[in-house]
Amino acid sequence: MENPRIKLAIIGVGRMGITHNSIINSHPDVEITAIVETSPHILNLIKKYIKGINTYDDYHKLFENEKLDAVIICTPPTLHYAIAKEAAKNHIHVFSEKPFTTEKAKAEELAKIFEEQNLVNQVGYVNRFNDIFVTIKQYIQKGLIGEVLRFKSEMYSCTITKAEEGNTWRDSRKNGGGALFEVASHAIDLVNYLIGKPDKVTGSCLKSVYSKHVEDAVNATFLYKNGISGTLNVNWSDESYRKPTNKIEIFGTQGKILADQHGIKIFMKKENSENNMRKGWNAIYITDIFRSVPFYVRGNEFTSQLYHFIECIQKQKMTTNCSFNDAVDTLDIIDAIFNDYELNGKF
């Protein structure tokens, strides 16, 4: 007997909402029954070109009128908390775009609610589903480069390359704008995923390049009680990068890893036949290790994370590979960077 199709709604149809809609619409066990969007123009286009889907301009109306199993939240971060809480009241599983919320206390509250109600919860830190970074995590766990000593996590993009007139959401920290929430959160979550959550943040520096009210560049040092240390370097005003790029460098007692979303370079002090690594430099490309997905948009990892969300619902697996609790850890480090900069970073 086939499983009943999961009835799902998309809340917010900007760039990520459109991306997630196209991916999840490819899943044979999912039925998109409704879309919520505040733009009348976009709603009119949906009504004109997509048949059989109910449309709403208010998420309250969605929850009042639809019988749903799950929602994907792609609104500005300031709305994530209220929408997710309303979803929990209706016993609905939630996938939320990052940074989940901009307030750690609200994030902790949601994590507790969803855990207590046994609801699947996931946040869109997509690097956890990238085959390169998944492979690196496996190498670290195997001890391929020995004991980890130092690391550097970086992210660069050309998101903000000129001063903008007027006010936009990207120029408001309250709305989830700024390089730390929007870009550095990916690099921080990648550290938490690969190395573990830092015990201390120090040496934080926030720099505005074009933005009036938020930071465009972020630097910080992460310290661990076990002696590991690392640095965070992020700049979303770097015009030398055409696409957002995550980089990770990890130095261990037996070797070194250099990687981005597309490939890995590994330096080994000695040969490791078990992992087919020769002494010296080794190269692995995404095409060597990628896992095929049924539908491709922007990268295999975007499909993998949403299909993982659906699989967890079907199997009643409450712990996803990027849960609300994982996102709370990332927010905790973001708060620590802000606090460290306010206390120690200003001259």
Protein backbone atom coordinates (compact mmCIF):
# COMPACT_ATOMS: atom_id res chain seq x y z
CA MET A 1 0.00 0.00 0.00
CA GLU A 2 1.39 3.37 -1.01
CA ASN A 3 1.93 6.09 1.57
CA PRO A 4 -0.52 9.01 1.34
CA ARG A 5 0.97 12.08 -0.31
CA ILE A 6 2.28 14.76 2.03
CA LYS A 7 0.25 17.94 1.71
CA LEU A 8 2.59 20.91 1.78
CA ALA A 9 2.43 24.70 1.46
CA ILE A 10 5.10 27.23 0.50
CA ILE A 11 5.07 30.44 2.54
CA GLY A 12 6.94 33.24 0.75
CA VAL A 13 7.70 33.07 -2.98
CA GLY A 14 10.87 35.09 -3.43
CA ARG A 15 14.06 33.58 -4.86
CA MET A 16 14.30 30.76 -2.30
CA GLY A 17 10.56 30.13 -2.29
CA ILE A 18 10.61 29.63 -6.06
CA THR A 19 13.68 27.37 -5.76
CA HIS A 20 12.13 25.22 -3.05
CA ASN A 21 8.79 25.08 -4.86
CA SER A 22 10.39 23.76 -8.03
CA ILE A 23 12.36 21.11 -6.12
CA ILE A 24 9.67 19.83 -3.80
CA ASN A 25 7.17 19.76 -6.67
CA SER A 26 9.34 17.01 -8.20
CA HIS A 27 8.87 14.71 -5.20
CA PRO A 28 6.38 11.92 -6.04
CA ASP A 29 5.08 11.76 -2.47
CA VAL A 30 4.42 15.49 -2.05
CA GLU A 31 1.43 17.55 -3.12
CA ILE A 32 1.79 21.35 -2.99
CA THR A 33 -1.71 22.44 -2.06
CA ALA A 34 -1.21 26.13 -1.27
CA ILE A 35 1.10 29.11 -1.59
CA VAL A 36 1.27 32.24 0.57
CA GLU A 37 2.68 35.48 -0.83
CA THR A 38 2.05 39.13 0.02
CA SER A 39 2.85 40.46 -3.48
CA PRO A 40 -0.38 40.80 -5.52
CA HIS A 41 1.64 40.64 -8.75
CA ILE A 42 3.22 37.28 -7.86
CA LEU A 43 -0.10 35.89 -6.61
CA ASN A 44 -1.75 36.85 -9.91
CA LEU A 45 1.01 35.08 -11.84
CA ILE A 46 0.58 31.95 -9.71
CA LYS A 47 -3.19 31.96 -10.25
CA LYS A 48 -2.68 32.40 -13.99
CA TYR A 49 -0.01 29.78 -14.61
CA ILE A 50 -0.29 27.23 -11.79
CA LYS A 51 -3.63 25.49 -11.58
CA GLY A 52 -5.00 23.51 -8.66
CA ILE A 53 -3.16 25.43 -5.94
CA ASN A 54 -4.87 27.65 -3.40
CA THR A 55 -3.30 31.07 -2.87
CA TYR A 56 -3.30 33.31 0.20
CA ASP A 57 -1.91 36.73 1.03
CA ASP A 58 -1.76 35.97 4.78
CA TYR A 59 -0.38 32.87 6.49
CA HIS A 60 -3.17 33.04 9.10
CA LYS A 61 -5.68 32.35 6.33
CA LEU A 62 -3.58 29.40 5.22
CA PHE A 63 -3.69 27.70 8.59
CA GLU A 64 -7.40 28.44 8.96
CA ASN A 65 -8.37 26.91 5.61
CA GLU A 66 -5.85 24.19 4.75
CA LYS A 67 -5.28 20.70 6.10
CA LEU A 68 -1.49 20.47 5.90
CA ASP A 69 1.26 18.04 6.84
CA ALA A 70 4.20 20.41 6.28
CA VAL A 71 5.21 23.93 5.31
CA ILE A 72 8.34 25.47 3.85
CA ILE A 73 8.95 28.97 5.26
CA CYS A 74 10.78 31.37 2.92
CA THR A 75 9.71 34.72 4.33
CA PRO A 76 12.02 37.38 5.81
CA PRO A 77 13.56 36.02 9.05
CA THR A 78 11.50 38.32 11.28
CA LEU A 79 8.38 36.32 10.35
CA HIS A 80 9.83 32.84 10.85
CA TYR A 81 9.09 32.68 14.58
CA ALA A 82 5.39 33.56 14.36
CA ILE A 83 4.75 31.31 11.36
CA ALA A 84 6.60 28.32 12.83
CA LYS A 85 4.79 28.72 16.15
CA GLU A 86 1.43 28.80 14.37
CA ALA A 87 2.43 25.71 12.41
CA ALA A 88 3.26 23.87 15.64
CA LYS A 89 -0.19 24.73 17.04
CA ASN A 90 -1.66 22.96 14.01
CA HIS A 91 0.79 20.03 14.34
CA ILE A 92 2.54 20.80 11.06
CA HIS A 93 6.16 19.89 10.26
CA VAL A 94 8.39 22.84 9.29
CA PHE A 95 11.32 23.46 6.99
CA SER A 96 12.54 27.04 7.53
CA GLU A 97 15.02 29.03 5.54
CA LYS A 98 17.96 30.32 7.53
CA PRO A 99 18.83 32.14 9.73
CA PHE A 100 15.67 30.64 11.27
CA THR A 101 15.15 33.67 13.54
CA THR A 102 17.28 36.67 14.44
CA GLU A 103 16.73 36.14 18.18
CA LYS A 104 18.27 33.16 19.95
CA ALA A 105 15.62 33.08 22.70
CA LYS A 106 12.84 32.70 20.12
CA ALA A 107 14.81 30.02 18.31
CA GLU A 108 15.29 28.09 21.55
CA GLU A 109 11.57 28.35 22.27
CA LEU A 110 10.67 26.94 18.85
CA ALA A 111 13.21 24.14 19.15
CA LYS A 112 11.66 23.10 22.46
CA ILE A 113 8.10 23.28 21.14
CA PHE A 114 8.84 21.15 18.08
CA GLU A 115 10.79 18.62 20.12
CA GLU A 116 8.01 18.27 22.68
CA GLN A 117 5.39 17.83 19.96
CA ASN A 118 7.49 15.35 17.95
CA LEU A 119 7.39 17.52 14.85
CA VAL A 120 10.03 17.31 12.14
CA ASN A 121 12.01 20.55 12.02
CA GLN A 122 14.79 21.58 9.67
CA VAL A 123 16.68 24.76 8.72
CA GLY A 124 18.19 25.46 5.31
CA TYR A 125 21.90 25.39 6.05
CA VAL A 126 22.47 23.63 2.77
CA ASN A 127 26.22 23.00 3.18
CA ARG A 128 25.41 20.03 5.42
CA PHE A 129 24.03 18.29 2.30
CA ASN A 130 26.84 19.21 -0.09
CA ASP A 131 28.72 16.04 -1.08
CA ILE A 132 32.11 17.75 -0.69
CA PHE A 133 31.48 18.81 2.90
CA VAL A 134 29.79 15.51 3.78
CA THR A 135 32.93 13.73 2.53
CA ILE A 136 35.20 16.02 4.54
CA LYS A 137 33.23 15.24 7.69
CA GLN A 138 33.73 11.53 7.03
CA TYR A 139 37.48 12.07 6.53
CA ILE A 140 37.74 13.96 9.83
CA GLN A 141 35.80 11.25 11.67
CA LYS A 142 38.10 8.59 10.19
CA GLY A 143 41.14 10.55 11.35
CA LEU A 144 42.47 10.94 7.80
CA ILE A 145 44.47 14.09 8.65
CA GLY A 146 45.05 13.09 12.24
CA GLU A 147 44.09 15.33 15.11
CA VAL A 148 42.55 18.62 13.96
CA LEU A 149 44.62 21.58 15.13
CA ARG A 150 43.56 24.68 13.17
CA PHE A 151 40.94 25.68 10.62
CA LYS A 152 39.68 28.60 8.57
CA SER A 153 36.07 28.98 7.41
CA GLU A 154 35.37 31.56 4.71
CA MET A 155 32.48 32.77 2.58
CA TYR A 156 32.60 35.38 -0.15
CA SER A 157 30.00 36.85 -2.50
CA CYS A 158 29.25 39.95 -4.54
CA THR A 159 25.87 40.53 -2.85
CA ILE A 160 26.42 44.19 -1.93
CA THR A 161 28.66 46.07 -4.36
CA LYS A 162 27.35 49.62 -4.11
CA ALA A 163 25.63 51.94 -1.67
CA GLU A 164 21.85 51.61 -1.91
CA GLU A 165 19.44 54.50 -1.68
CA GLY A 166 16.61 54.17 0.80
CA ASN A 167 16.10 51.25 3.17
CA THR A 168 16.09 47.57 2.25
CA TRP A 169 15.79 44.43 4.38
CA ARG A 170 19.48 43.75 3.74
CA ASP A 171 20.34 47.00 5.51
CA SER A 172 18.47 46.07 8.69
CA ARG A 173 19.91 43.67 11.26
CA LYS A 174 16.46 43.31 12.82
CA ASN A 175 15.15 41.94 9.52
CA GLY A 176 18.02 39.49 9.17
CA GLY A 177 20.20 41.72 7.01
CA GLY A 178 23.95 42.13 7.21
CA ALA A 179 26.75 39.80 6.23
CA LEU A 180 26.73 37.99 9.59
CA PHE A 181 23.12 36.76 9.42
CA GLU A 182 22.88 36.39 5.67
CA VAL A 183 26.29 35.00 4.68
CA ALA A 184 28.50 34.25 7.69
CA SER A 185 25.77 32.06 9.20
CA HIS A 186 26.55 29.47 6.49
CA ALA A 187 30.27 29.56 7.30
CA ILE A 188 29.56 29.31 11.04
CA ASP A 189 27.15 26.41 10.64
CA LEU A 190 29.75 24.64 8.51
CA VAL A 191 32.23 24.94 11.41
CA ASN A 192 29.65 23.55 13.83
CA TYR A 193 28.98 20.66 11.43
CA LEU A 194 32.59 19.76 10.66
CA ILE A 195 34.55 20.71 13.79
CA GLY A 196 31.95 21.30 16.50
CA LYS A 197 30.56 24.39 18.19
CA PRO A 198 33.31 26.74 19.46
CA ASP A 199 33.63 27.28 23.20
CA LYS A 200 34.71 30.90 22.89
CA VAL A 201 34.62 33.72 20.35
CA THR A 202 37.23 36.47 20.38
CA GLY A 203 38.89 39.06 18.13
CA SER A 204 35.64 39.88 16.34
CA CYS A 205 35.62 42.65 13.73
CA LEU A 206 32.60 43.92 11.77
CA LYS A 207 33.24 46.25 8.84
CA SER A 208 30.84 48.22 6.65
CA VAL A 209 31.95 48.71 3.05
CA TYR A 210 28.78 49.95 1.32
CA SER A 211 25.97 49.32 3.82
CA LYS A 212 24.80 52.10 6.12
CA HIS A 213 23.49 50.15 9.11
CA VAL A 214 24.98 46.66 8.92
CA GLU A 215 28.32 44.94 8.38
CA ASP A 216 29.59 43.84 4.97
CA ALA A 217 32.65 41.97 6.23
CA VAL A 218 33.14 39.78 9.32
CA ASN A 219 36.23 38.36 11.00
CA ALA A 220 36.40 36.38 14.24
CA THR A 221 38.51 33.80 16.04
CA PHE A 222 37.00 30.59 17.46
CA LEU A 223 38.60 28.81 20.43
CA TYR A 224 37.97 25.32 21.83
CA LYS A 225 38.73 23.83 25.22
CA ASN A 226 40.51 20.92 23.51
CA GLY A 227 43.05 23.32 21.98
CA ILE A 228 41.62 23.66 18.47
CA SER A 229 41.38 27.20 17.13
CA GLY A 230 40.06 28.67 13.90
CA THR A 231 39.18 31.85 12.09
CA LEU A 232 36.07 33.10 10.33
CA ASN A 233 36.50 35.38 7.29
CA VAL A 234 33.43 36.60 5.41
CA ASN A 235 32.84 39.36 2.87
CA TRP A 236 29.65 39.80 0.83
CA SER A 237 31.08 42.83 -1.03
CA ASP A 238 33.81 40.95 -2.89
CA GLU A 239 33.33 41.49 -6.63
CA SER A 240 36.00 38.92 -7.49
CA TYR A 241 33.43 36.19 -6.77
CA ARG A 242 30.61 35.72 -9.29
CA LYS A 243 28.72 33.26 -7.08
CA PRO A 244 28.60 32.82 -3.28
CA THR A 245 31.53 30.59 -2.34
CA ASN A 246 32.19 28.69 0.87
CA LYS A 247 35.78 27.68 1.60
CA ILE A 248 37.17 25.57 4.40
CA GLU A 249 40.80 24.91 5.35
CA ILE A 250 41.57 22.33 8.04
CA PHE A 251 45.08 21.58 9.31
CA GLY A 252 45.77 18.37 11.22
CA THR A 253 48.71 16.44 12.62
CA GLN A 254 48.84 14.16 9.55
CA GLY A 255 47.74 16.44 6.74
CA LYS A 256 45.68 19.33 5.49
CA ILE A 257 42.34 19.79 3.71
CA LEU A 258 41.46 22.68 1.37
CA ALA A 259 37.94 22.70 -0.08
CA ASP A 260 35.01 24.62 -1.50
CA GLN A 261 31.62 23.40 -2.74
CA HIS A 262 33.17 21.95 -5.89
CA GLY A 263 36.33 20.14 -4.88
CA ILE A 264 38.85 19.04 -2.25
CA LYS A 265 42.64 19.21 -2.16
CA ILE A 266 44.24 17.05 0.51
CA PHE A 267 47.90 17.10 1.53
CA MET A 268 49.01 13.89 3.24
CA LYS A 269 52.22 13.50 5.23
CA LYS A 270 52.24 9.83 4.31
CA GLU A 271 50.32 7.46 2.05
CA ASN A 272 46.88 6.27 3.17
CA SER A 273 45.92 3.29 1.00
CA GLU A 274 42.64 2.73 2.84
CA ASN A 275 41.33 6.04 1.47
CA ASN A 276 43.33 5.88 -1.77
CA MET A 277 45.51 8.85 -0.76
CA ARG A 278 49.12 9.13 -1.82
CA LYS A 279 51.79 11.05 0.05
CA GLY A 280 51.63 14.72 -0.92
CA TRP A 281 48.72 16.39 -2.69
CA ASN A 282 45.51 14.61 -3.71
CA ALA A 283 42.51 16.09 -5.58
CA ILE A 284 38.85 15.10 -5.41
CA TYR A 285 36.15 16.81 -7.46
CA ILE A 286 32.41 17.01 -6.90
CA THR A 287 31.92 14.95 -10.06
CA ASP A 288 33.91 12.12 -8.43
CA ILE A 289 31.67 11.76 -5.40
CA PHE A 290 28.29 13.42 -5.99
CA ARG A 291 25.08 11.56 -5.24
CA SER A 292 22.51 11.84 -8.01
CA VAL A 293 19.25 13.64 -7.27
CA PRO A 294 15.94 13.43 -9.15
CA PHE A 295 15.77 17.16 -9.86
CA TYR A 296 18.62 19.66 -10.10
CA VAL A 297 18.39 23.36 -9.20
CA ARG A 298 21.46 25.36 -8.11
CA GLY A 299 23.20 22.27 -6.72
CA ASN A 300 22.43 18.69 -5.66
CA GLU A 301 22.45 19.78 -2.03
CA PHE A 302 19.30 21.89 -2.42
CA THR A 303 17.35 18.84 -3.55
CA SER A 304 19.01 16.56 -1.00
CA GLN A 305 18.00 18.75 1.95
CA LEU A 306 14.31 18.91 0.97
CA TYR A 307 14.08 15.22 0.12
CA HIS A 308 15.70 14.53 3.51
CA PHE A 309 12.97 16.64 5.17
CA ILE A 310 10.25 14.61 3.46
CA GLU A 311 11.96 11.31 4.30
CA CYS A 312 12.10 12.29 7.99
CA ILE A 313 8.35 13.00 7.94
CA GLN A 314 7.60 9.67 6.26
CA LYS A 315 9.80 7.69 8.63
CA GLN A 316 8.74 9.74 11.66
CA LYS A 317 12.37 10.59 12.28
CA MET A 318 12.34 13.69 14.44
CA THR A 319 16.07 14.49 14.28
CA THR A 320 17.05 15.93 10.91
CA ASN A 321 20.57 16.66 9.67
CA CYS A 322 20.00 20.35 10.40
CA SER A 323 17.44 20.71 13.17
CA PHE A 324 16.15 23.80 14.94
CA ASN A 325 18.59 22.95 17.74
CA ASP A 326 21.47 22.99 15.24
CA ALA A 327 20.31 26.43 14.07
CA VAL A 328 20.19 27.62 17.70
CA ASP A 329 23.90 26.76 17.99
CA THR A 330 24.65 28.91 14.95
CA LEU A 331 22.63 31.80 16.37
CA ASP A 332 24.53 31.43 19.65
CA ILE A 333 27.84 31.99 17.82
CA ILE A 334 26.36 34.92 15.87
CA ASP A 335 25.30 36.52 19.15
CA ALA A 336 28.77 35.87 20.59
CA ILE A 337 30.39 37.67 17.63
CA PHE A 338 28.10 40.68 17.99
CA ASN A 339 28.71 40.82 21.75
CA ASP A 340 32.46 40.36 21.43
CA TYR A 341 32.67 43.15 18.87
CA GLU A 342 30.59 45.54 21.03
CA LEU A 343 32.70 44.82 24.10
CA ASN A 344 36.18 44.44 22.65
CA GLY A 345 36.22 45.21 18.93
CA LYS A 346 35.56 48.95 18.84
CA PHE A 347 38.38 51.44 19.26
